[in-house]
Amino acid sequence: MKGYPVSHCNKDSQLTVGELFAGMGGIGLVFKQAGFKISWANEINKKACITYQENFNHRLIQDDIRNVKPCDLGEVDILTEGFPCQTFVFLENVK
């Protein structure tokens, strides 16, 4: 991760964001609406990835983060991570 002096950060520069455990993209949406550029996202859940791809057009890596190499992600200014959603995963099995 790289840091910038305050003089570098101006309204014309666009900071980049990478998302780990992106879910359906709620955190990324906030950054996108605030003017940041989402470079890539990672999510393991197939259904969450389907929704994510409907809402975003940047690179989405659908895989377990343990299988993803850092050099495959690309450098970003800000790295986010979603919170665990095990509480809601059980709903996939409810019929």
PDB file of N, CA and C in Angstrom:
ATOM      1  N   MET A   1       0.843  -1.163   0.000  1.00  0.00           N
ATOM      2  CA  MET A   1       0.000   0.000   0.000  1.00  0.00           C
ATOM      3  C   MET A   1       0.896   1.235   0.000  1.00  0.00           C
ATOM      4  N   LYS A   2       0.530   2.232  -0.756  1.00  0.00           N
ATOM      5  CA  LYS A   2       1.342   3.437  -0.837  1.00  0.00           C
ATOM      6  C   LYS A   2       0.621   4.614  -0.197  1.00  0.00           C
ATOM      7  N   GLY A   3       1.395   5.521   0.356  1.00  0.00           N
ATOM      8  CA  GLY A   3       0.819   6.722   0.931  1.00  0.00           C
ATOM      9  C   GLY A   3       1.167   7.924   0.076  1.00  0.00           C
ATOM     10  N   TYR A   4       0.378   8.956   0.156  1.00  0.00           N
ATOM     11  CA  TYR A   4       0.612  10.169  -0.621  1.00  0.00           C
ATOM     12  C   TYR A   4       0.684  11.365   0.309  1.00  0.00           C
ATOM     13  N   PRO A   5       1.560  12.319  -0.004  1.00  0.00           N
ATOM     14  CA  PRO A   5       1.520  13.570   0.754  1.00  0.00           C
ATOM     15  C   PRO A   5       0.214  14.293   0.444  1.00  0.00           C
ATOM     16  N   VAL A   6      -0.212  15.126   1.346  1.00  0.00           N
ATOM     17  CA  VAL A   6      -1.486  15.826   1.184  1.00  0.00           C
ATOM     18  C   VAL A   6      -1.536  16.585  -0.133  1.00  0.00           C
ATOM     19  N   SER A   7      -0.413  17.115  -0.580  1.00  0.00           N
ATOM     20  CA  SER A   7      -0.415  17.892  -1.821  1.00  0.00           C
ATOM     21  C   SER A   7      -0.788  17.045  -3.035  1.00  0.00           C
ATOM     22  N   HIS A   8      -0.589  15.719  -2.960  1.00  0.00           N
ATOM     23  CA  HIS A   8      -0.934  14.845  -4.082  1.00  0.00           C
ATOM     24  C   HIS A   8      -2.454  14.645  -4.188  1.00  0.00           C
ATOM     25  N   CYS A   9      -3.108  14.690  -3.061  1.00  0.00           N
ATOM     26  CA  CYS A   9      -4.546  14.415  -3.041  1.00  0.00           C
ATOM     27  C   CYS A   9      -5.313  15.680  -3.400  1.00  0.00           C
ATOM     28  N   ASN A  10      -5.821  15.706  -4.606  1.00  0.00           N
ATOM     29  CA  ASN A  10      -6.627  16.845  -5.018  1.00  0.00           C
ATOM     30  C   ASN A  10      -7.858  16.330  -5.736  1.00  0.00           C
ATOM     31  N   LYS A  11      -8.717  17.210  -6.097  1.00  0.00           N
ATOM     32  CA  LYS A  11      -9.984  16.795  -6.694  1.00  0.00           C
ATOM     33  C   LYS A  11      -9.821  16.106  -8.037  1.00  0.00           C
ATOM     34  N   ASP A  12      -8.661  16.271  -8.682  1.00  0.00           N
ATOM     35  CA  ASP A  12      -8.445  15.648  -9.984  1.00  0.00           C
ATOM     36  C   ASP A  12      -7.877  14.237  -9.888  1.00  0.00           C
ATOM     37  N   SER A  13      -7.365  13.853  -8.721  1.00  0.00           N
ATOM     38  CA  SER A  13      -6.817  12.509  -8.577  1.00  0.00           C
ATOM     39  C   SER A  13      -7.916  11.557  -8.116  1.00  0.00           C
ATOM     40  N   GLN A  14      -7.861  10.344  -8.617  1.00  0.00           N
ATOM     41  CA  GLN A  14      -8.871   9.358  -8.250  1.00  0.00           C
ATOM     42  C   GLN A  14      -8.168   8.197  -7.560  1.00  0.00           C
ATOM     43  N   LEU A  15      -8.419   8.030  -6.278  1.00  0.00           N
ATOM     44  CA  LEU A  15      -7.811   6.943  -5.531  1.00  0.00           C
ATOM     45  C   LEU A  15      -8.470   5.623  -5.908  1.00  0.00           C
ATOM     46  N   THR A  16      -7.676   4.558  -5.873  1.00  0.00           N
ATOM     47  CA  THR A  16      -8.171   3.238  -6.265  1.00  0.00           C
ATOM     48  C   THR A  16      -8.471   2.392  -5.037  1.00  0.00           C
ATOM     49  N   VAL A  17      -9.444   1.493  -5.196  1.00  0.00           N
ATOM     50  CA  VAL A  17      -9.910   0.645  -4.105  1.00  0.00           C
ATOM     51  C   VAL A  17      -9.903  -0.810  -4.550  1.00  0.00           C
ATOM     52  N   GLY A  18      -9.475  -1.693  -3.653  1.00  0.00           N
ATOM     53  CA  GLY A  18      -9.606  -3.130  -3.837  1.00  0.00           C
ATOM     54  C   GLY A  18     -10.486  -3.663  -2.724  1.00  0.00           C
ATOM     55  N   GLU A  19     -11.361  -4.611  -3.052  1.00  0.00           N
ATOM     56  CA  GLU A  19     -12.297  -5.136  -2.055  1.00  0.00           C
ATOM     57  C   GLU A  19     -12.045  -6.613  -1.789  1.00  0.00           C
ATOM     58  N   LEU A  20     -11.812  -6.960  -0.529  1.00  0.00           N
ATOM     59  CA  LEU A  20     -11.744  -8.356  -0.117  1.00  0.00           C
ATOM     60  C   LEU A  20     -13.068  -8.714   0.548  1.00  0.00           C
ATOM     61  N   PHE A  21     -13.517  -9.943   0.356  1.00  0.00           N
ATOM     62  CA  PHE A  21     -14.784 -10.404   0.940  1.00  0.00           C
ATOM     63  C   PHE A  21     -15.892  -9.409   0.582  1.00  0.00           C
ATOM     64  N   ALA A  22     -16.029  -9.145  -0.698  1.00  0.00           N
ATOM     65  CA  ALA A  22     -16.863  -8.053  -1.202  1.00  0.00           C
ATOM     66  C   ALA A  22     -18.360  -8.274  -1.044  1.00  0.00           C
ATOM     67  N   GLY A  23     -18.786  -9.524  -0.879  1.00  0.00           N
ATOM     68  CA  GLY A  23     -20.219  -9.767  -0.793  1.00  0.00           C
ATOM     69  C   GLY A  23     -20.913  -9.301  -2.064  1.00  0.00           C
ATOM     70  N   MET A  24     -22.030  -8.628  -1.910  1.00  0.00           N
ATOM     71  CA  MET A  24     -22.776  -8.133  -3.070  1.00  0.00           C
ATOM     72  C   MET A  24     -22.358  -6.721  -3.469  1.00  0.00           C
ATOM     73  N   GLY A  25     -21.393  -6.137  -2.739  1.00  0.00           N
ATOM     74  CA  GLY A  25     -20.834  -4.859  -3.157  1.00  0.00           C
ATOM     75  C   GLY A  25     -21.267  -3.633  -2.387  1.00  0.00           C
ATOM     76  N   GLY A  26     -21.821  -3.789  -1.212  1.00  0.00           N
ATOM     77  CA  GLY A  26     -22.292  -2.634  -0.448  1.00  0.00           C
ATOM     78  C   GLY A  26     -21.197  -1.640  -0.112  1.00  0.00           C
ATOM     79  N   ILE A  27     -20.051  -2.137   0.335  1.00  0.00           N
ATOM     80  CA  ILE A  27     -18.945  -1.243   0.684  1.00  0.00           C
ATOM     81  C   ILE A  27     -18.400  -0.580  -0.577  1.00  0.00           C
ATOM     82  N   GLY A  28     -18.254  -1.358  -1.637  1.00  0.00           N
ATOM     83  CA  GLY A  28     -17.762  -0.813  -2.902  1.00  0.00           C
ATOM     84  C   GLY A  28     -18.677   0.258  -3.465  1.00  0.00           C
ATOM     85  N   LEU A  29     -19.975   0.076  -3.290  1.00  0.00           N
ATOM     86  CA  LEU A  29     -20.938   1.055  -3.787  1.00  0.00           C
ATOM     87  C   LEU A  29     -20.734   2.415  -3.123  1.00  0.00           C
ATOM     88  N   VAL A  30     -20.485   2.396  -1.828  1.00  0.00           N
ATOM     89  CA  VAL A  30     -20.246   3.646  -1.102  1.00  0.00           C
ATOM     90  C   VAL A  30     -19.002   4.347  -1.652  1.00  0.00           C
ATOM     91  N   PHE A  31     -17.935   3.585  -1.861  1.00  0.00           N
ATOM     92  CA  PHE A  31     -16.710   4.181  -2.410  1.00  0.00           C
ATOM     93  C   PHE A  31     -16.935   4.689  -3.831  1.00  0.00           C
ATOM     94  N   LYS A  32     -17.648   3.930  -4.626  1.00  0.00           N
ATOM     95  CA  LYS A  32     -17.925   4.344  -6.011  1.00  0.00           C
ATOM     96  C   LYS A  32     -18.719   5.651  -6.032  1.00  0.00           C
ATOM     97  N   GLN A  33     -19.753   5.737  -5.203  1.00  0.00           N
ATOM     98  CA  GLN A  33     -20.571   6.944  -5.156  1.00  0.00           C
ATOM     99  C   GLN A  33     -19.788   8.148  -4.633  1.00  0.00           C
ATOM    100  N   ALA A  34     -18.734   7.876  -3.857  1.00  0.00           N
ATOM    101  CA  ALA A  34     -17.897   8.958  -3.333  1.00  0.00           C
ATOM    102  C   ALA A  34     -16.802   9.373  -4.318  1.00  0.00           C
ATOM    103  N   GLY A  35     -16.768   8.714  -5.487  1.00  0.00           N
ATOM    104  CA  GLY A  35     -15.829   9.122  -6.527  1.00  0.00           C
ATOM    105  C   GLY A  35     -14.548   8.320  -6.620  1.00  0.00           C
ATOM    106  N   PHE A  36     -14.450   7.241  -5.865  1.00  0.00           N
ATOM    107  CA  PHE A  36     -13.268   6.391  -5.933  1.00  0.00           C
ATOM    108  C   PHE A  36     -13.393   5.418  -7.099  1.00  0.00           C
ATOM    109  N   LYS A  37     -12.261   4.892  -7.563  1.00  0.00           N
ATOM    110  CA  LYS A  37     -12.253   3.908  -8.646  1.00  0.00           C
ATOM    111  C   LYS A  37     -12.014   2.527  -8.041  1.00  0.00           C
ATOM    112  N   ILE A  38     -12.983   1.633  -8.190  1.00  0.00           N
ATOM    113  CA  ILE A  38     -12.815   0.262  -7.720  1.00  0.00           C
ATOM    114  C   ILE A  38     -11.991  -0.475  -8.775  1.00  0.00           C
ATOM    115  N   SER A  39     -10.835  -0.987  -8.384  1.00  0.00           N
ATOM    116  CA  SER A  39      -9.954  -1.674  -9.331  1.00  0.00           C
ATOM    117  C   SER A  39     -10.297  -3.149  -9.465  1.00  0.00           C
ATOM    118  N   TRP A  40     -10.608  -3.780  -8.346  1.00  0.00           N
ATOM    119  CA  TRP A  40     -10.926  -5.206  -8.352  1.00  0.00           C
ATOM    120  C   TRP A  40     -11.638  -5.561  -7.052  1.00  0.00           C
ATOM    121  N   ALA A  41     -12.263  -6.727  -7.064  1.00  0.00           N
ATOM    122  CA  ALA A  41     -12.935  -7.234  -5.868  1.00  0.00           C
ATOM    123  C   ALA A  41     -12.764  -8.744  -5.816  1.00  0.00           C
ATOM    124  N   ASN A  42     -12.857  -9.292  -4.619  1.00  0.00           N
ATOM    125  CA  ASN A  42     -12.776 -10.734  -4.408  1.00  0.00           C
ATOM    126  C   ASN A  42     -13.954 -11.173  -3.552  1.00  0.00           C
ATOM    127  N   GLU A  43     -14.594 -12.259  -3.975  1.00  0.00           N
ATOM    128  CA  GLU A  43     -15.704 -12.854  -3.221  1.00  0.00           C
ATOM    129  C   GLU A  43     -15.757 -14.334  -3.563  1.00  0.00           C
ATOM    130  N   ILE A  44     -16.082 -15.164  -2.591  1.00  0.00           N
ATOM    131  CA  ILE A  44     -16.143 -16.605  -2.812  1.00  0.00           C
ATOM    132  C   ILE A  44     -17.564 -17.092  -3.114  1.00  0.00           C
ATOM    133  N   ASN A  45     -18.561 -16.413  -2.573  1.00  0.00           N
ATOM    134  CA  ASN A  45     -19.946 -16.874  -2.703  1.00  0.00           C
ATOM    135  C   ASN A  45     -20.482 -16.631  -4.112  1.00  0.00           C
ATOM    136  N   LYS A  46     -20.893 -17.715  -4.765  1.00  0.00           N
ATOM    137  CA  LYS A  46     -21.333 -17.634  -6.164  1.00  0.00           C
ATOM    138  C   LYS A  46     -22.544 -16.714  -6.343  1.00  0.00           C
ATOM    139  N   LYS A  47     -23.529 -16.821  -5.462  1.00  0.00           N
ATOM    140  CA  LYS A  47     -24.733 -15.993  -5.593  1.00  0.00           C
ATOM    141  C   LYS A  47     -24.426 -14.514  -5.350  1.00  0.00           C
ATOM    142  N   ALA A  48     -23.550 -14.247  -4.404  1.00  0.00           N
ATOM    143  CA  ALA A  48     -23.149 -12.855  -4.164  1.00  0.00           C
ATOM    144  C   ALA A  48     -22.415 -12.301  -5.381  1.00  0.00           C
ATOM    145  N   CYS A  49     -21.597 -13.138  -6.024  1.00  0.00           N
ATOM    146  CA  CYS A  49     -20.853 -12.702  -7.215  1.00  0.00           C
ATOM    147  C   CYS A  49     -21.787 -12.370  -8.373  1.00  0.00           C
ATOM    148  N   ILE A  50     -22.850 -13.123  -8.514  1.00  0.00           N
ATOM    149  CA  ILE A  50     -23.821 -12.846  -9.583  1.00  0.00           C
ATOM    150  C   ILE A  50     -24.416 -11.453  -9.386  1.00  0.00           C
ATOM    151  N   THR A  51     -24.825 -11.156  -8.165  1.00  0.00           N
ATOM    152  CA  THR A  51     -25.375  -9.833  -7.863  1.00  0.00           C
ATOM    153  C   THR A  51     -24.316  -8.755  -8.049  1.00  0.00           C
ATOM    154  N   TYR A  52     -23.115  -9.021  -7.581  1.00  0.00           N
ATOM    155  CA  TYR A  52     -22.023  -8.053  -7.708  1.00  0.00           C
ATOM    156  C   TYR A  52     -21.795  -7.685  -9.170  1.00  0.00           C
ATOM    157  N   GLN A  53     -21.746  -8.685 -10.032  1.00  0.00           N
ATOM    158  CA  GLN A  53     -21.486  -8.441 -11.452  1.00  0.00           C
ATOM    159  C   GLN A  53     -22.620  -7.686 -12.139  1.00  0.00           C
ATOM    160  N   GLU A  54     -23.826  -7.764 -11.599  1.00  0.00           N
ATOM    161  CA  GLU A  54     -24.945  -6.993 -12.148  1.00  0.00           C
ATOM    162  C   GLU A  54     -24.784  -5.501 -11.845  1.00  0.00           C
ATOM    163  N   ASN A  55     -24.065  -5.189 -10.773  1.00  0.00           N
ATOM    164  CA  ASN A  55     -23.950  -3.809 -10.321  1.00  0.00           C
ATOM    165  C   ASN A  55     -22.623  -3.127 -10.643  1.00  0.00           C
ATOM    166  N   PHE A  56     -21.594  -3.904 -10.969  1.00  0.00           N
ATOM    167  CA  PHE A  56     -20.261  -3.346 -11.208  1.00  0.00           C
ATOM    168  C   PHE A  56     -19.670  -3.972 -12.458  1.00  0.00           C
ATOM    169  N   ASN A  57     -18.730  -3.262 -13.094  1.00  0.00           N
ATOM    170  CA  ASN A  57     -18.105  -3.808 -14.294  1.00  0.00           C
ATOM    171  C   ASN A  57     -16.593  -3.952 -14.180  1.00  0.00           C
ATOM    172  N   HIS A  58     -16.035  -3.788 -12.997  1.00  0.00           N
ATOM    173  CA  HIS A  58     -14.597  -3.985 -12.840  1.00  0.00           C
ATOM    174  C   HIS A  58     -14.296  -5.459 -12.549  1.00  0.00           C
ATOM    175  N   ARG A  59     -13.041  -5.780 -12.429  1.00  0.00           N
ATOM    176  CA  ARG A  59     -12.595  -7.163 -12.257  1.00  0.00           C
ATOM    177  C   ARG A  59     -13.098  -7.755 -10.943  1.00  0.00           C
ATOM    178  N   LEU A  60     -13.742  -8.920 -11.039  1.00  0.00           N
ATOM    179  CA  LEU A  60     -14.209  -9.659  -9.869  1.00  0.00           C
ATOM    180  C   LEU A  60     -13.540 -11.021  -9.873  1.00  0.00           C
ATOM    181  N   ILE A  61     -12.858 -11.344  -8.799  1.00  0.00           N
ATOM    182  CA  ILE A  61     -12.185 -12.626  -8.658  1.00  0.00           C
ATOM    183  C   ILE A  61     -13.049 -13.500  -7.766  1.00  0.00           C
ATOM    184  N   GLN A  62     -13.712 -14.487  -8.364  1.00  0.00           N
ATOM    185  CA  GLN A  62     -14.571 -15.385  -7.593  1.00  0.00           C
ATOM    186  C   GLN A  62     -13.744 -16.587  -7.169  1.00  0.00           C
ATOM    187  N   ASP A  63     -13.234 -16.532  -5.942  1.00  0.00           N
ATOM    188  CA  ASP A  63     -12.387 -17.602  -5.432  1.00  0.00           C
ATOM    189  C   ASP A  63     -12.176 -17.396  -3.941  1.00  0.00           C
ATOM    190  N   ASP A  64     -11.733 -18.446  -3.286  1.00  0.00           N
ATOM    191  CA  ASP A  64     -11.326 -18.370  -1.892  1.00  0.00           C
ATOM    192  C   ASP A  64     -10.081 -17.484  -1.833  1.00  0.00           C
ATOM    193  N   ILE A  65     -10.053 -16.533  -0.937  1.00  0.00           N
ATOM    194  CA  ILE A  65      -8.928 -15.599  -0.848  1.00  0.00           C
ATOM    195  C   ILE A  65      -7.619 -16.340  -0.620  1.00  0.00           C
ATOM    196  N   ARG A  66      -7.677 -17.525  -0.015  1.00  0.00           N
ATOM    197  CA  ARG A  66      -6.453 -18.303   0.219  1.00  0.00           C
ATOM    198  C   ARG A  66      -5.840 -18.806  -1.079  1.00  0.00           C
ATOM    199  N   ASN A  67      -6.615 -18.809  -2.166  1.00  0.00           N
ATOM    200  CA  ASN A  67      -6.111 -19.247  -3.466  1.00  0.00           C
ATOM    201  C   ASN A  67      -5.639 -18.092  -4.342  1.00  0.00           C
ATOM    202  N   VAL A  68      -5.828 -16.874  -3.891  1.00  0.00           N
ATOM    203  CA  VAL A  68      -5.497 -15.691  -4.692  1.00  0.00           C
ATOM    204  C   VAL A  68      -4.112 -15.184  -4.290  1.00  0.00           C
ATOM    205  N   LYS A  69      -3.268 -14.957  -5.275  1.00  0.00           N
ATOM    206  CA  LYS A  69      -1.922 -14.440  -5.022  1.00  0.00           C
ATOM    207  C   LYS A  69      -1.967 -12.910  -5.022  1.00  0.00           C
ATOM    208  N   PRO A  70      -1.316 -12.279  -4.057  1.00  0.00           N
ATOM    209  CA  PRO A  70      -1.317 -10.811  -4.010  1.00  0.00           C
ATOM    210  C   PRO A  70      -0.871 -10.165  -5.318  1.00  0.00           C
ATOM    211  N   CYS A  71       0.093 -10.766  -6.002  1.00  0.00           N
ATOM    212  CA  CYS A  71       0.583 -10.164  -7.251  1.00  0.00           C
ATOM    213  C   CYS A  71      -0.475 -10.209  -8.354  1.00  0.00           C
ATOM    214  N   ASP A  72      -1.508 -11.043  -8.205  1.00  0.00           N
ATOM    215  CA  ASP A  72      -2.583 -11.117  -9.197  1.00  0.00           C
ATOM    216  C   ASP A  72      -3.638 -10.030  -9.003  1.00  0.00           C
ATOM    217  N   LEU A  73      -3.606  -9.366  -7.860  1.00  0.00           N
ATOM    218  CA  LEU A  73      -4.651  -8.394  -7.539  1.00  0.00           C
ATOM    219  C   LEU A  73      -4.379  -7.013  -8.116  1.00  0.00           C
ATOM    220  N   GLY A  74      -3.191  -6.572  -8.068  1.00  0.00           N
ATOM    221  CA  GLY A  74      -2.882  -5.216  -8.513  1.00  0.00           C
ATOM    222  C   GLY A  74      -2.855  -4.261  -7.334  1.00  0.00           C
ATOM    223  N   GLU A  75      -2.032  -3.260  -7.451  1.00  0.00           N
ATOM    224  CA  GLU A  75      -1.836  -2.294  -6.380  1.00  0.00           C
ATOM    225  C   GLU A  75      -3.023  -1.340  -6.292  1.00  0.00           C
ATOM    226  N   VAL A  76      -3.432  -1.047  -5.058  1.00  0.00           N
ATOM    227  CA  VAL A  76      -4.528  -0.101  -4.817  1.00  0.00           C
ATOM    228  C   VAL A  76      -4.131   0.856  -3.694  1.00  0.00           C
ATOM    229  N   ASP A  77      -4.830   1.968  -3.623  1.00  0.00           N
ATOM    230  CA  ASP A  77      -4.591   2.945  -2.562  1.00  0.00           C
ATOM    231  C   ASP A  77      -5.313   2.566  -1.274  1.00  0.00           C
ATOM    232  N   ILE A  78      -6.501   1.986  -1.417  1.00  0.00           N
ATOM    233  CA  ILE A  78      -7.334   1.633  -0.267  1.00  0.00           C
ATOM    234  C   ILE A  78      -7.760   0.182  -0.412  1.00  0.00           C
ATOM    235  N   LEU A  79      -7.639  -0.577   0.667  1.00  0.00           N
ATOM    236  CA  LEU A  79      -8.070  -1.972   0.683  1.00  0.00           C
ATOM    237  C   LEU A  79      -9.202  -2.106   1.688  1.00  0.00           C
ATOM    238  N   THR A  80     -10.352  -2.584   1.228  1.00  0.00           N
ATOM    239  CA  THR A  80     -11.493  -2.776   2.126  1.00  0.00           C
ATOM    240  C   THR A  80     -11.727  -4.263   2.324  1.00  0.00           C
ATOM    241  N   GLU A  81     -12.459  -4.585   3.355  1.00  0.00           N
ATOM    242  CA  GLU A  81     -12.884  -5.969   3.539  1.00  0.00           C
ATOM    243  C   GLU A  81     -14.262  -5.975   4.173  1.00  0.00           C
ATOM    244  N   GLY A  82     -15.099  -6.849   3.636  1.00  0.00           N
ATOM    245  CA  GLY A  82     -16.450  -6.968   4.157  1.00  0.00           C
ATOM    246  C   GLY A  82     -16.458  -7.737   5.465  1.00  0.00           C
ATOM    247  N   PHE A  83     -17.536  -7.634   6.173  1.00  0.00           N
ATOM    248  CA  PHE A  83     -17.674  -8.356   7.434  1.00  0.00           C
ATOM    249  C   PHE A  83     -18.236  -9.749   7.168  1.00  0.00           C
ATOM    250  N   PRO A  84     -17.962 -10.711   8.056  1.00  0.00           N
ATOM    251  CA  PRO A  84     -18.469 -12.075   7.861  1.00  0.00           C
ATOM    252  C   PRO A  84     -19.995 -12.091   7.833  1.00  0.00           C
ATOM    253  N   CYS A  85     -20.551 -12.888   6.938  1.00  0.00           N
ATOM    254  CA  CYS A  85     -22.015 -12.922   6.811  1.00  0.00           C
ATOM    255  C   CYS A  85     -22.580 -14.312   7.103  1.00  0.00           C
ATOM    256  N   GLN A  86     -21.886 -15.105   7.921  1.00  0.00           N
ATOM    257  CA  GLN A  86     -22.377 -16.446   8.222  1.00  0.00           C
ATOM    258  C   GLN A  86     -23.785 -16.422   8.789  1.00  0.00           C
ATOM    259  N   THR A  87     -24.143 -15.352   9.448  1.00  0.00           N
ATOM    260  CA  THR A  87     -25.483 -15.232  10.012  1.00  0.00           C
ATOM    261  C   THR A  87     -26.546 -15.348   8.927  1.00  0.00           C
ATOM    262  N   PHE A  88     -26.252 -14.878   7.724  1.00  0.00           N
ATOM    263  CA  PHE A  88     -27.230 -14.855   6.645  1.00  0.00           C
ATOM    264  C   PHE A  88     -27.088 -16.012   5.665  1.00  0.00           C
ATOM    265  N   VAL A  89     -25.948 -16.703   5.680  1.00  0.00           N
ATOM    266  CA  VAL A  89     -25.703 -17.780   4.723  1.00  0.00           C
ATOM    267  C   VAL A  89     -26.720 -18.905   4.889  1.00  0.00           C
ATOM    268  N   PHE A  90     -27.203 -19.138   6.099  1.00  0.00           N
ATOM    269  CA  PHE A  90     -28.163 -20.220   6.314  1.00  0.00           C
ATOM    270  C   PHE A  90     -29.429 -20.016   5.493  1.00  0.00           C
ATOM    271  N   LEU A  91     -29.745 -18.800   5.110  1.00  0.00           N
ATOM    272  CA  LEU A  91     -30.950 -18.524   4.328  1.00  0.00           C
ATOM    273  C   LEU A  91     -30.903 -19.182   2.955  1.00  0.00           C
ATOM    274  N   GLU A  92     -29.702 -19.470   2.441  1.00  0.00           N
ATOM    275  CA  GLU A  92     -29.582 -20.140   1.145  1.00  0.00           C
ATOM    276  C   GLU A  92     -30.188 -21.540   1.185  1.00  0.00           C
ATOM    277  N   ASN A  93     -30.179 -22.143   2.368  1.00  0.00           N
ATOM    278  CA  ASN A  93     -30.661 -23.514   2.501  1.00  0.00           C
ATOM    279  C   ASN A  93     -32.126 -23.603   2.920  1.00  0.00           C
ATOM    280  N   VAL A  94     -32.748 -22.477   3.208  1.00  0.00           N
ATOM    281  CA  VAL A  94     -34.156 -22.467   3.604  1.00  0.00           C
ATOM    282  C   VAL A  94     -35.019 -22.614   2.359  1.00  0.00           C
ATOM    283  N   LYS A  95     -35.948 -23.533   2.405  1.00  0.00           N
ATOM    284  CA  LYS A  95     -36.823 -23.754   1.240  1.00  0.00           C
ATOM    285  C   LYS A  95     -38.244 -23.365   1.551  1.00  0.00           C
TER     286      LYS A  95
END
